């Protein structure tokens, strides 16, 4: 699951770079948005990695895993939408 989360994050960053390469008008400094996207993807990956800790309760671990994956799926959906819409 951790490797899959990392791969999804890399895929989202690649799609973000494709959108930036098309030059949408709302991105004045593309490198700032790359940094922002990387930070926004590090948070759910950290949540998924932390969900593997065996000393935490099952409820906490499940909550971290599910919320991390929801975060990644939403980011992936937004990235696919931006690439598909040709923004």
Protein backbone atom coordinates (compact mmCIF):
# COMPACT_ATOMS: atom_id res chain seq x y z
CA UNK A 1 0.00 0.00 0.00
CA UNK A 2 2.83 2.40 0.78
CA UNK A 3 4.50 1.82 -2.57
CA UNK A 4 1.17 2.21 -4.38
CA UNK A 5 0.59 5.52 -2.59
CA UNK A 6 4.03 6.74 -3.61
CA UNK A 7 3.42 5.72 -7.24
CA UNK A 8 0.03 7.48 -7.30
CA UNK A 9 1.71 10.59 -5.93
CA UNK A 10 4.38 10.53 -8.61
CA UNK A 11 1.69 10.08 -11.26
CA UNK A 12 -0.19 13.10 -9.89
CA UNK A 13 2.98 15.20 -9.99
CA UNK A 14 3.62 14.15 -13.61
CA UNK A 15 0.06 15.09 -14.59
CA UNK A 16 0.54 18.43 -12.83
CA UNK A 17 3.66 19.08 -14.87
CA UNK A 18 1.76 18.28 -18.06
CA UNK A 19 -0.85 20.88 -17.10
CA UNK A 20 1.86 23.43 -16.30
CA UNK A 21 3.60 22.71 -19.61
CA UNK A 22 0.44 23.75 -21.47
CA UNK A 23 0.77 27.14 -19.80
CA UNK A 24 -2.55 27.78 -18.09
CA UNK A 25 -3.13 31.46 -17.35
CA UNK A 26 -3.65 31.03 -13.61
CA UNK A 27 -0.11 29.82 -12.86
CA UNK A 28 2.29 32.79 -12.58
CA UNK A 29 5.21 30.77 -11.14
CA UNK A 30 5.07 27.07 -12.01
CA UNK A 31 7.80 26.04 -9.55
CA UNK A 32 5.80 27.34 -6.61
CA UNK A 33 2.92 25.09 -7.62
CA UNK A 34 5.24 22.11 -8.00
CA UNK A 35 6.48 22.69 -4.44
CA UNK A 36 2.91 23.11 -3.19
CA UNK A 37 1.78 19.90 -4.91
CA UNK A 38 4.73 17.99 -3.49
CA UNK A 39 3.89 19.13 0.04
CA UNK A 40 0.20 18.33 -0.47
CA UNK A 41 1.17 14.81 -1.55
CA UNK A 42 3.67 14.26 1.24
CA UNK A 43 0.95 14.64 3.85
CA UNK A 44 -1.25 11.73 2.68
CA UNK A 45 1.84 9.59 2.08
CA UNK A 46 2.95 10.25 5.64
CA UNK A 47 -0.52 9.30 6.83
CA UNK A 48 -0.36 6.02 4.94
CA UNK A 49 3.13 5.27 6.26
CA UNK A 50 2.04 6.07 9.83
CA UNK A 51 -0.92 3.72 9.49
CA UNK A 52 1.55 0.82 9.58
CA UNK A 53 2.57 1.51 13.19
CA UNK A 54 1.61 -1.47 15.28
CA UNK A 55 1.64 0.39 18.61
CA UNK A 56 -1.36 2.54 17.66
CA UNK A 57 -4.97 1.37 17.89
CA UNK A 58 -6.60 -0.26 14.90
CA UNK A 59 -9.15 2.55 14.71
CA UNK A 60 -6.43 5.21 14.46
CA UNK A 61 -4.47 3.23 11.88
CA UNK A 62 -7.56 2.58 9.75
CA UNK A 63 -8.57 6.21 9.98
CA UNK A 64 -5.13 7.33 8.81
CA UNK A 65 -5.05 4.86 5.93
CA UNK A 66 -8.56 5.65 4.66
CA UNK A 67 -8.17 9.42 4.91
CA UNK A 68 -4.76 9.28 3.21
CA UNK A 69 -6.15 7.26 0.31
CA UNK A 70 -9.18 9.52 -0.03
CA UNK A 71 -6.82 12.48 -0.21
CA UNK A 72 -4.75 10.80 -2.94
CA UNK A 73 -7.81 9.75 -4.96
CA UNK A 74 -9.22 13.29 -4.87
CA UNK A 75 -5.86 14.73 -5.96
CA UNK A 76 -5.65 12.17 -8.77
CA UNK A 77 -9.17 12.98 -9.92
CA UNK A 78 -8.38 16.69 -10.00
CA UNK A 79 -5.17 16.10 -11.93
CA UNK A 80 -6.92 13.89 -14.48
CA UNK A 81 -9.68 16.47 -14.86
CA UNK A 82 -7.19 19.28 -15.49
CA UNK A 83 -5.30 17.23 -18.08
CA UNK A 84 -8.50 16.10 -19.78
CA UNK A 85 -10.09 19.56 -19.88
CA UNK A 86 -6.99 21.03 -21.50
CA UNK A 87 -6.66 23.83 -18.99
